[in-house]
Amino acid sequence: MGECTHDCSTCSEACASKSPESFLEAPNELSNIKKVIAVVSGKGGVGKSLVTSLLAVSMQRKGLKTGILDADITGPSIPKMFGIKEKATGNETGIFPVQSKLGTDVMSVNLLLENETDPVVWRGPVIAGTVTQFWKEVIWSDEDFLFIDMPPGTGDVPLTVFQSIPVDGIIIVTSPQELVSMIVEKAVKMADLMHIPVLGIVENMSYFECPNCKEKHKIYGESHIDEIAAKYNIDTVSKIPMNSKLAGACDKGMIELFEGDWLDNLTDKIQ
């Protein structure tokens, strides 16, 4: 490899000096996507898929067309939450996402498997390549917002998404434990490294509100999310309580019927 002149046209594909934009992939030629929002978490089990679904449904209720690219290839849960049982189909022009009952377009590996409980036992490069296929080969037609439900962490798939897809911003999902707060900072720093703005932070399982006295109980202890948001100049923080009706809606595939205004400040911001 010759010496890099910082002119990407003169250096090899392996040159580390290439800008992230040079790796961007074009979507399917029939796709029309206005904004791409990635929903990330530093660790698993904090409710990232729940937040992705709530955001898509909330924006749909505002009269906007939404889609969800389920990039959590080994742990897909979006089709289950929307009650989608149909399989994805396609033709020579591309793959068609499956539409939910109320109109959200969804693409997930579970829509391609024979049985939704079949495990995906693939190595990292194959998983990352599948996510890129969901961007390049799926026909995302007339999407005002495409939300990407990311796997946890800062590994192969998040890096592939940030380098291959023109992400307009990310939303970080966390829970109240102090340990998780440390992980949030990793996600914030990765976003900064990739030059992608953090649009907001959502703290799931933030509290439990007693149905009788309406007092809020901090089951996981005091939250530190406002301190982290202030530290990194993130001005939008949303908090979702522990809510049995919300959990039931997910289990029954009825997330589109949820009731709650916990994310209104965030959807107002990104609209």
C-alpha atoms as a PDB file:
ATOM      1  CA  MET A   1       0.000   0.000   0.000  1.00  0.00           C
ATOM      2  CA  GLY A   2       1.360   3.389  -0.962  1.00  0.00           C
ATOM      3  CA  GLU A   3       1.635   6.359   1.339  1.00  0.00           C
ATOM      4  CA  CYS A   4      -1.753   7.958   2.046  1.00  0.00           C
ATOM      5  CA  THR A   5      -2.176  11.469   0.668  1.00  0.00           C
ATOM      6  CA  HIS A   6      -5.524  11.916   2.501  1.00  0.00           C
ATOM      7  CA  ASP A   7      -7.172  11.941  -0.905  1.00  0.00           C
ATOM      8  CA  CYS A   8      -9.340   8.805  -0.699  1.00  0.00           C
ATOM      9  CA  SER A   9      -9.198   8.335  -4.463  1.00  0.00           C
ATOM     10  CA  THR A  10      -5.469   7.587  -4.229  1.00  0.00           C
ATOM     11  CA  CYS A  11      -5.341   5.170  -1.309  1.00  0.00           C
ATOM     12  CA  SER A  12      -6.410   1.553  -0.912  1.00  0.00           C
ATOM     13  CA  GLU A  13      -9.691   0.305   0.465  1.00  0.00           C
ATOM     14  CA  ALA A  14      -7.945  -0.773   3.658  1.00  0.00           C
ATOM     15  CA  CYS A  15      -6.672   2.699   4.460  1.00  0.00           C
ATOM     16  CA  ALA A  16      -7.695   3.696   7.990  1.00  0.00           C
ATOM     17  CA  SER A  17      -7.757   7.371   7.033  1.00  0.00           C
ATOM     18  CA  LYS A  18     -10.843   6.971   4.863  1.00  0.00           C
ATOM     19  CA  SER A  19     -13.826   8.903   6.146  1.00  0.00           C
ATOM     20  CA  PRO A  20     -16.882   6.936   7.410  1.00  0.00           C
ATOM     21  CA  GLU A  21     -18.964   8.428   4.579  1.00  0.00           C
ATOM     22  CA  SER A  22     -16.903   6.513   2.028  1.00  0.00           C
ATOM     23  CA  PHE A  23     -18.401   3.220   3.277  1.00  0.00           C
ATOM     24  CA  LEU A  24     -22.050   4.271   2.962  1.00  0.00           C
ATOM     25  CA  GLU A  25     -24.238   1.856   1.017  1.00  0.00           C
ATOM     26  CA  ALA A  26     -27.092   2.974  -1.211  1.00  0.00           C
ATOM     27  CA  PRO A  27     -30.553   1.679  -0.311  1.00  0.00           C
ATOM     28  CA  ASN A  28     -32.720  -0.206  -2.782  1.00  0.00           C
ATOM     29  CA  GLU A  29     -33.433   2.043  -5.770  1.00  0.00           C
ATOM     30  CA  LEU A  30     -37.170   1.799  -5.014  1.00  0.00           C
ATOM     31  CA  SER A  31     -36.746   2.889  -1.394  1.00  0.00           C
ATOM     32  CA  ASN A  32     -37.644   6.379  -0.237  1.00  0.00           C
ATOM     33  CA  ILE A  33     -36.442   7.042   3.314  1.00  0.00           C
ATOM     34  CA  LYS A  34     -36.425  10.515   4.827  1.00  0.00           C
ATOM     35  CA  LYS A  35     -34.814   9.919   8.243  1.00  0.00           C
ATOM     36  CA  VAL A  36     -32.986   7.002   9.839  1.00  0.00           C
ATOM     37  CA  ILE A  37     -32.893   6.733  13.626  1.00  0.00           C
ATOM     38  CA  ALA A  38     -30.890   4.002  15.382  1.00  0.00           C
ATOM     39  CA  VAL A  39     -32.006   2.808  18.816  1.00  0.00           C
ATOM     40  CA  VAL A  40     -29.031   1.522  20.793  1.00  0.00           C
ATOM     41  CA  SER A  41     -28.118   0.210  24.208  1.00  0.00           C
ATOM     42  CA  GLY A  42     -24.803  -0.484  25.849  1.00  0.00           C
ATOM     43  CA  LYS A  43     -26.051  -3.814  27.214  1.00  0.00           C
ATOM     44  CA  GLY A  44     -28.907  -6.240  26.736  1.00  0.00           C
ATOM     45  CA  GLY A  45     -32.138  -6.489  28.671  1.00  0.00           C
ATOM     46  CA  VAL A  46     -32.932  -2.792  29.018  1.00  0.00           C
ATOM     47  CA  GLY A  47     -35.921  -2.710  26.643  1.00  0.00           C
ATOM     48  CA  LYS A  48     -34.416  -1.421  23.431  1.00  0.00           C
ATOM     49  CA  SER A  49     -36.899  -3.276  21.203  1.00  0.00           C
ATOM     50  CA  LEU A  50     -39.750  -1.940  23.320  1.00  0.00           C
ATOM     51  CA  VAL A  51     -38.556   1.634  22.862  1.00  0.00           C
ATOM     52  CA  THR A  52     -38.062   1.111  19.113  1.00  0.00           C
ATOM     53  CA  SER A  53     -41.620  -0.166  18.818  1.00  0.00           C
ATOM     54  CA  LEU A  54     -43.079   2.656  20.923  1.00  0.00           C
ATOM     55  CA  LEU A  55     -41.267   5.262  18.832  1.00  0.00           C
ATOM     56  CA  ALA A  56     -42.490   3.767  15.549  1.00  0.00           C
ATOM     57  CA  VAL A  57     -46.083   3.543  16.790  1.00  0.00           C
ATOM     58  CA  SER A  58     -45.966   7.061  18.266  1.00  0.00           C
ATOM     59  CA  MET A  59     -44.751   8.567  14.995  1.00  0.00           C
ATOM     60  CA  GLN A  60     -47.350   6.543  13.083  1.00  0.00           C
ATOM     61  CA  ARG A  61     -50.020   8.096  15.312  1.00  0.00           C
ATOM     62  CA  LYS A  62     -48.771  11.522  14.249  1.00  0.00           C
ATOM     63  CA  GLY A  63     -49.630  10.633  10.659  1.00  0.00           C
ATOM     64  CA  LEU A  64     -46.075   9.728   9.632  1.00  0.00           C
ATOM     65  CA  LYS A  65     -45.075   6.546   7.793  1.00  0.00           C
ATOM     66  CA  THR A  66     -42.655   4.396   9.783  1.00  0.00           C
ATOM     67  CA  GLY A  67     -40.581   1.280   9.331  1.00  0.00           C
ATOM     68  CA  ILE A  68     -38.430  -0.867  11.618  1.00  0.00           C
ATOM     69  CA  LEU A  69     -35.232  -2.586  10.504  1.00  0.00           C
ATOM     70  CA  ASP A  70     -34.601  -5.259  13.130  1.00  0.00           C
ATOM     71  CA  ALA A  71     -30.804  -5.408  13.275  1.00  0.00           C
ATOM     72  CA  ASP A  72     -30.784  -7.669  16.326  1.00  0.00           C
ATOM     73  CA  ILE A  73     -30.253 -10.746  14.160  1.00  0.00           C
ATOM     74  CA  THR A  74     -29.660 -13.305  16.927  1.00  0.00           C
ATOM     75  CA  GLY A  75     -32.367 -11.986  19.245  1.00  0.00           C
ATOM     76  CA  PRO A  76     -35.163 -10.599  17.052  1.00  0.00           C
ATOM     77  CA  SER A  77     -38.340  -9.627  18.892  1.00  0.00           C
ATOM     78  CA  ILE A  78     -40.002  -6.915  16.792  1.00  0.00           C
ATOM     79  CA  PRO A  79     -42.349  -9.234  14.788  1.00  0.00           C
ATOM     80  CA  LYS A  80     -43.613 -10.823  18.020  1.00  0.00           C
ATOM     81  CA  MET A  81     -44.366  -7.439  19.581  1.00  0.00           C
ATOM     82  CA  PHE A  82     -46.381  -6.381  16.525  1.00  0.00           C
ATOM     83  CA  GLY A  83     -48.162  -9.719  16.224  1.00  0.00           C
ATOM     84  CA  ILE A  84     -46.714 -10.328  12.748  1.00  0.00           C
ATOM     85  CA  LYS A  85     -46.856 -13.958  11.641  1.00  0.00           C
ATOM     86  CA  GLU A  86     -46.561 -13.570   7.839  1.00  0.00           C
ATOM     87  CA  LYS A  87     -43.252 -14.234   6.111  1.00  0.00           C
ATOM     88  CA  ALA A  88     -41.420 -11.673   4.002  1.00  0.00           C
ATOM     89  CA  THR A  89     -41.583 -12.093   0.237  1.00  0.00           C
ATOM     90  CA  GLY A  90     -39.720 -10.579  -2.688  1.00  0.00           C
ATOM     91  CA  ASN A  91     -39.024 -10.572  -6.387  1.00  0.00           C
ATOM     92  CA  GLU A  92     -36.252  -9.480  -8.746  1.00  0.00           C
ATOM     93  CA  THR A  93     -36.558  -5.869  -7.545  1.00  0.00           C
ATOM     94  CA  GLY A  94     -36.012  -6.613  -3.862  1.00  0.00           C
ATOM     95  CA  ILE A  95     -37.491  -7.880  -0.603  1.00  0.00           C
ATOM     96  CA  PHE A  96     -40.792  -6.540   0.686  1.00  0.00           C
ATOM     97  CA  PRO A  97     -41.098  -5.719   4.392  1.00  0.00           C
ATOM     98  CA  VAL A  98     -44.145  -7.100   6.198  1.00  0.00           C
ATOM     99  CA  GLN A  99     -46.661  -4.488   7.253  1.00  0.00           C
ATOM    100  CA  SER A 100     -48.187  -4.520  10.730  1.00  0.00           C
ATOM    101  CA  LYS A 101     -51.932  -4.241  11.317  1.00  0.00           C
ATOM    102  CA  LEU A 102     -51.740  -0.444  11.575  1.00  0.00           C
ATOM    103  CA  GLY A 103     -49.183   0.132   8.831  1.00  0.00           C
ATOM    104  CA  THR A 104     -45.631  -0.048  10.212  1.00  0.00           C
ATOM    105  CA  ASP A 105     -43.219  -1.771   7.802  1.00  0.00           C
ATOM    106  CA  VAL A 106     -41.037  -4.405   9.491  1.00  0.00           C
ATOM    107  CA  MET A 107     -38.057  -6.436   8.322  1.00  0.00           C
ATOM    108  CA  SER A 108     -36.543  -8.991  10.674  1.00  0.00           C
ATOM    109  CA  VAL A 109     -34.673 -12.251  10.281  1.00  0.00           C
ATOM    110  CA  ASN A 110     -37.638 -13.962  11.982  1.00  0.00           C
ATOM    111  CA  LEU A 111     -39.719 -13.054   8.938  1.00  0.00           C
ATOM    112  CA  LEU A 112     -37.377 -15.189   6.834  1.00  0.00           C
ATOM    113  CA  LEU A 113     -37.022 -18.241   9.101  1.00  0.00           C
ATOM    114  CA  GLU A 114     -39.308 -21.251   8.758  1.00  0.00           C
ATOM    115  CA  ASN A 115     -39.995 -21.207  12.508  1.00  0.00           C
ATOM    116  CA  GLU A 116     -39.681 -18.113  14.693  1.00  0.00           C
ATOM    117  CA  THR A 117     -37.944 -20.165  17.402  1.00  0.00           C
ATOM    118  CA  ASP A 118     -35.166 -21.390  15.064  1.00  0.00           C
ATOM    119  CA  PRO A 119     -31.812 -20.098  16.377  1.00  0.00           C
ATOM    120  CA  VAL A 120     -29.567 -17.977  14.213  1.00  0.00           C
ATOM    121  CA  VAL A 121     -26.124 -19.504  14.725  1.00  0.00           C
ATOM    122  CA  TRP A 122     -23.992 -17.291  12.518  1.00  0.00           C
ATOM    123  CA  ARG A 123     -20.615 -15.650  12.890  1.00  0.00           C
ATOM    124  CA  GLY A 124     -20.206 -11.883  13.146  1.00  0.00           C
ATOM    125  CA  PRO A 125     -19.432 -11.066   9.490  1.00  0.00           C
ATOM    126  CA  VAL A 126     -22.508 -12.984   8.275  1.00  0.00           C
ATOM    127  CA  ILE A 127     -24.717 -11.200  10.809  1.00  0.00           C
ATOM    128  CA  ALA A 128     -23.335  -7.796   9.815  1.00  0.00           C
ATOM    129  CA  GLY A 129     -23.820  -8.662   6.144  1.00  0.00           C
ATOM    130  CA  THR A 130     -27.461  -9.546   6.770  1.00  0.00           C
ATOM    131  CA  VAL A 131     -28.082  -6.150   8.339  1.00  0.00           C
ATOM    132  CA  THR A 132     -26.562  -4.479   5.281  1.00  0.00           C
ATOM    133  CA  GLN A 133     -28.833  -6.605   3.066  1.00  0.00           C
ATOM    134  CA  PHE A 134     -31.866  -5.359   5.011  1.00  0.00           C
ATOM    135  CA  TRP A 135     -30.809  -1.842   4.020  1.00  0.00           C
ATOM    136  CA  LYS A 136     -29.764  -2.481   0.402  1.00  0.00           C
ATOM    137  CA  GLU A 137     -32.252  -5.118  -0.746  1.00  0.00           C
ATOM    138  CA  VAL A 138     -35.448  -4.347   1.181  1.00  0.00           C
ATOM    139  CA  ILE A 139     -37.838  -1.928  -0.524  1.00  0.00           C
ATOM    140  CA  TRP A 140     -38.533   0.709   2.131  1.00  0.00           C
ATOM    141  CA  SER A 141     -41.087   2.770   0.244  1.00  0.00           C
ATOM    142  CA  ASP A 142     -42.065   6.240   1.445  1.00  0.00           C
ATOM    143  CA  GLU A 143     -40.779   5.970   5.022  1.00  0.00           C
ATOM    144  CA  ASP A 144     -40.802   9.239   6.959  1.00  0.00           C
ATOM    145  CA  PHE A 145     -38.820   7.451   9.675  1.00  0.00           C
ATOM    146  CA  LEU A 146     -36.907   4.192   9.555  1.00  0.00           C
ATOM    147  CA  PHE A 147     -36.000   3.028  13.058  1.00  0.00           C
ATOM    148  CA  ILE A 148     -33.152   0.528  13.423  1.00  0.00           C
ATOM    149  CA  ASP A 149     -33.432  -1.775  16.436  1.00  0.00           C
ATOM    150  CA  MET A 150     -29.767  -2.437  17.179  1.00  0.00           C
ATOM    151  CA  PRO A 151     -28.233  -5.342  19.095  1.00  0.00           C
ATOM    152  CA  PRO A 152     -26.627  -4.364  22.416  1.00  0.00           C
ATOM    153  CA  GLY A 153     -23.036  -3.209  22.678  1.00  0.00           C
ATOM    154  CA  THR A 154     -20.561  -1.475  20.397  1.00  0.00           C
ATOM    155  CA  GLY A 155     -19.387  -4.389  18.243  1.00  0.00           C
ATOM    156  CA  ASP A 156     -19.691  -5.602  14.649  1.00  0.00           C
ATOM    157  CA  VAL A 157     -23.301  -4.755  13.876  1.00  0.00           C
ATOM    158  CA  PRO A 158     -23.413  -1.237  15.387  1.00  0.00           C
ATOM    159  CA  LEU A 159     -20.157  -0.423  13.599  1.00  0.00           C
ATOM    160  CA  THR A 160     -21.520  -1.801  10.312  1.00  0.00           C
ATOM    161  CA  VAL A 161     -24.730   0.196  10.672  1.00  0.00           C
ATOM    162  CA  PHE A 162     -22.947   3.456  11.499  1.00  0.00           C
ATOM    163  CA  GLN A 163     -20.512   3.048   8.602  1.00  0.00           C
ATOM    164  CA  SER A 164     -22.901   1.632   5.980  1.00  0.00           C
ATOM    165  CA  ILE A 165     -26.195   3.411   6.633  1.00  0.00           C
ATOM    166  CA  PRO A 166     -26.689   7.201   6.723  1.00  0.00           C
ATOM    167  CA  VAL A 167     -27.982   7.377  10.301  1.00  0.00           C
ATOM    168  CA  ASP A 168     -29.404  10.797  11.186  1.00  0.00           C
ATOM    169  CA  GLY A 169     -29.222  10.272  14.934  1.00  0.00           C
ATOM    170  CA  ILE A 170     -29.320   7.731  17.729  1.00  0.00           C
ATOM    171  CA  ILE A 171     -31.487   7.215  20.787  1.00  0.00           C
ATOM    172  CA  ILE A 172     -29.898   5.464  23.751  1.00  0.00           C
ATOM    173  CA  VAL A 173     -31.913   3.139  25.979  1.00  0.00           C
ATOM    174  CA  THR A 174     -30.897   2.372  29.533  1.00  0.00           C
ATOM    175  CA  SER A 175     -32.211   1.402  32.965  1.00  0.00           C
ATOM    176  CA  PRO A 176     -31.614   3.051  36.370  1.00  0.00           C
ATOM    177  CA  GLN A 177     -28.740   0.949  37.757  1.00  0.00           C
ATOM    178  CA  GLU A 178     -25.447   2.777  38.186  1.00  0.00           C
ATOM    179  CA  LEU A 179     -23.625  -0.003  36.307  1.00  0.00           C
ATOM    180  CA  VAL A 180     -25.811   0.614  33.272  1.00  0.00           C
ATOM    181  CA  SER A 181     -25.089   4.328  33.499  1.00  0.00           C
ATOM    182  CA  MET A 182     -21.424   3.537  32.928  1.00  0.00           C
ATOM    183  CA  ILE A 183     -22.383   1.536  29.821  1.00  0.00           C
ATOM    184  CA  VAL A 184     -24.462   4.475  28.542  1.00  0.00           C
ATOM    185  CA  GLU A 185     -21.344   6.608  28.476  1.00  0.00           C
ATOM    186  CA  LYS A 186     -19.689   4.046  26.189  1.00  0.00           C
ATOM    187  CA  ALA A 187     -22.590   4.348  23.741  1.00  0.00           C
ATOM    188  CA  VAL A 188     -22.433   8.151  23.867  1.00  0.00           C
ATOM    189  CA  LYS A 189     -18.711   8.090  23.165  1.00  0.00           C
ATOM    190  CA  MET A 190     -19.130   5.671  20.253  1.00  0.00           C
ATOM    191  CA  ALA A 191     -21.741   7.977  18.717  1.00  0.00           C
ATOM    192  CA  ASP A 192     -19.319  10.874  19.067  1.00  0.00           C
ATOM    193  CA  LEU A 193     -16.556   8.799  17.493  1.00  0.00           C
ATOM    194  CA  MET A 194     -18.811   8.076  14.507  1.00  0.00           C
ATOM    195  CA  HIS A 195     -19.979  11.733  14.304  1.00  0.00           C
ATOM    196  CA  ILE A 196     -23.631  10.811  14.853  1.00  0.00           C
ATOM    197  CA  PRO A 197     -25.757  13.028  17.142  1.00  0.00           C
ATOM    198  CA  VAL A 198     -27.445  11.609  20.229  1.00  0.00           C
ATOM    199  CA  LEU A 199     -31.064  12.745  20.035  1.00  0.00           C
ATOM    200  CA  GLY A 200     -32.115  11.590  23.466  1.00  0.00           C
ATOM    201  CA  ILE A 201     -31.899   9.010  26.229  1.00  0.00           C
ATOM    202  CA  VAL A 202     -34.748   6.764  27.331  1.00  0.00           C
ATOM    203  CA  GLU A 203     -34.628   5.227  30.791  1.00  0.00           C
ATOM    204  CA  ASN A 204     -36.797   2.112  30.841  1.00  0.00           C
ATOM    205  CA  MET A 205     -38.067   0.540  34.105  1.00  0.00           C
ATOM    206  CA  SER A 206     -37.426   3.927  35.662  1.00  0.00           C
ATOM    207  CA  TYR A 207     -39.975   3.526  38.456  1.00  0.00           C
ATOM    208  CA  PHE A 208     -43.153   1.749  39.525  1.00  0.00           C
ATOM    209  CA  GLU A 209     -46.257   3.842  40.065  1.00  0.00           C
ATOM    210  CA  CYS A 210     -48.665   2.412  42.637  1.00  0.00           C
ATOM    211  CA  PRO A 211     -52.113   2.128  41.006  1.00  0.00           C
ATOM    212  CA  ASN A 212     -53.798   3.041  44.300  1.00  0.00           C
ATOM    213  CA  CYS A 213     -51.824   5.902  45.837  1.00  0.00           C
ATOM    214  CA  LYS A 214     -49.985   6.957  42.634  1.00  0.00           C
ATOM    215  CA  GLU A 215     -46.694   7.169  44.531  1.00  0.00           C
ATOM    216  CA  LYS A 216     -43.628   6.412  42.419  1.00  0.00           C
ATOM    217  CA  HIS A 217     -41.247   3.770  43.779  1.00  0.00           C
ATOM    218  CA  LYS A 218     -37.645   3.504  42.533  1.00  0.00           C
ATOM    219  CA  ILE A 219     -37.331  -0.290  42.368  1.00  0.00           C
ATOM    220  CA  TYR A 220     -33.765  -0.210  40.998  1.00  0.00           C
ATOM    221  CA  GLY A 221     -32.616   2.699  43.129  1.00  0.00           C
ATOM    222  CA  GLU A 222     -32.006   6.309  42.275  1.00  0.00           C
ATOM    223  CA  SER A 223     -31.523   7.204  38.645  1.00  0.00           C
ATOM    224  CA  HIS A 224     -28.338   8.874  37.383  1.00  0.00           C
ATOM    225  CA  ILE A 225     -29.526   9.422  33.835  1.00  0.00           C
ATOM    226  CA  ASP A 226     -30.149  13.157  34.199  1.00  0.00           C
ATOM    227  CA  GLU A 227     -26.568  13.647  35.389  1.00  0.00           C
ATOM    228  CA  ILE A 228     -25.186  11.739  32.386  1.00  0.00           C
ATOM    229  CA  ALA A 229     -27.433  13.646  29.983  1.00  0.00           C
ATOM    230  CA  ALA A 230     -26.247  16.959  31.420  1.00  0.00           C
ATOM    231  CA  LYS A 231     -22.616  15.829  31.229  1.00  0.00           C
ATOM    232  CA  TYR A 232     -22.917  15.161  27.492  1.00  0.00           C
ATOM    233  CA  ASN A 233     -25.301  18.044  26.693  1.00  0.00           C
ATOM    234  CA  ILE A 234     -28.200  15.738  25.818  1.00  0.00           C
ATOM    235  CA  ASP A 235     -31.330  17.782  26.409  1.00  0.00           C
ATOM    236  CA  THR A 236     -34.039  15.134  25.983  1.00  0.00           C
ATOM    237  CA  VAL A 237     -34.571  12.426  28.602  1.00  0.00           C
ATOM    238  CA  SER A 238     -37.660  10.208  28.674  1.00  0.00           C
ATOM    239  CA  LYS A 239     -38.575   7.799  31.477  1.00  0.00           C
ATOM    240  CA  ILE A 240     -40.780   4.737  31.064  1.00  0.00           C
ATOM    241  CA  PRO A 241     -42.208   3.096  34.215  1.00  0.00           C
ATOM    242  CA  MET A 242     -42.564  -0.596  34.961  1.00  0.00           C
ATOM    243  CA  ASN A 243     -46.015  -1.209  33.550  1.00  0.00           C
ATOM    244  CA  SER A 244     -47.799  -4.565  33.417  1.00  0.00           C
ATOM    245  CA  LYS A 245     -50.163  -3.419  30.648  1.00  0.00           C
ATOM    246  CA  LEU A 246     -47.204  -2.458  28.476  1.00  0.00           C
ATOM    247  CA  ALA A 247     -45.542  -5.819  29.096  1.00  0.00           C
ATOM    248  CA  GLY A 248     -48.796  -7.592  28.296  1.00  0.00           C
ATOM    249  CA  ALA A 249     -49.173  -5.680  25.032  1.00  0.00           C
ATOM    250  CA  CYS A 250     -45.705  -6.854  23.969  1.00  0.00           C
ATOM    251  CA  ASP A 251     -46.405 -10.481  24.853  1.00  0.00           C
ATOM    252  CA  LYS A 252     -49.741 -10.476  23.001  1.00  0.00           C
ATOM    253  CA  GLY A 253     -48.390  -8.775  19.875  1.00  0.00           C
ATOM    254  CA  MET A 254     -50.515  -5.698  20.526  1.00  0.00           C
ATOM    255  CA  ILE A 255     -47.867  -3.014  21.037  1.00  0.00           C
ATOM    256  CA  GLU A 256     -49.707  -0.778  18.550  1.00  0.00           C
ATOM    257  CA  LEU A 257     -52.516  -0.383  21.100  1.00  0.00           C
ATOM    258  CA  PHE A 258     -50.326   0.881  23.957  1.00  0.00           C
ATOM    259  CA  GLU A 259     -51.452   3.830  26.066  1.00  0.00           C
ATOM    260  CA  GLY A 260     -48.896   6.260  27.468  1.00  0.00           C
ATOM    261  CA  ASP A 261     -47.196   9.588  26.796  1.00  0.00           C
ATOM    262  CA  TRP A 262     -43.742   8.766  28.145  1.00  0.00           C
ATOM    263  CA  LEU A 263     -41.968   9.375  24.823  1.00  0.00           C
ATOM    264  CA  ASP A 264     -43.922  12.435  23.686  1.00  0.00           C
ATOM    265  CA  ASN A 265     -41.056  14.836  24.433  1.00  0.00           C
ATOM    266  CA  LEU A 266     -38.729  12.695  22.310  1.00  0.00           C
ATOM    267  CA  THR A 267     -41.084  12.219  19.358  1.00  0.00           C
ATOM    268  CA  ASP A 268     -41.837  15.958  19.367  1.00  0.00           C
ATOM    269  CA  LYS A 269     -38.123  16.621  19.078  1.00  0.00           C
ATOM    270  CA  ILE A 270     -37.350  14.250  16.210  1.00  0.00           C
ATOM    271  CA  GLN A 271     -40.519  14.907  14.186  1.00  0.00           C
END
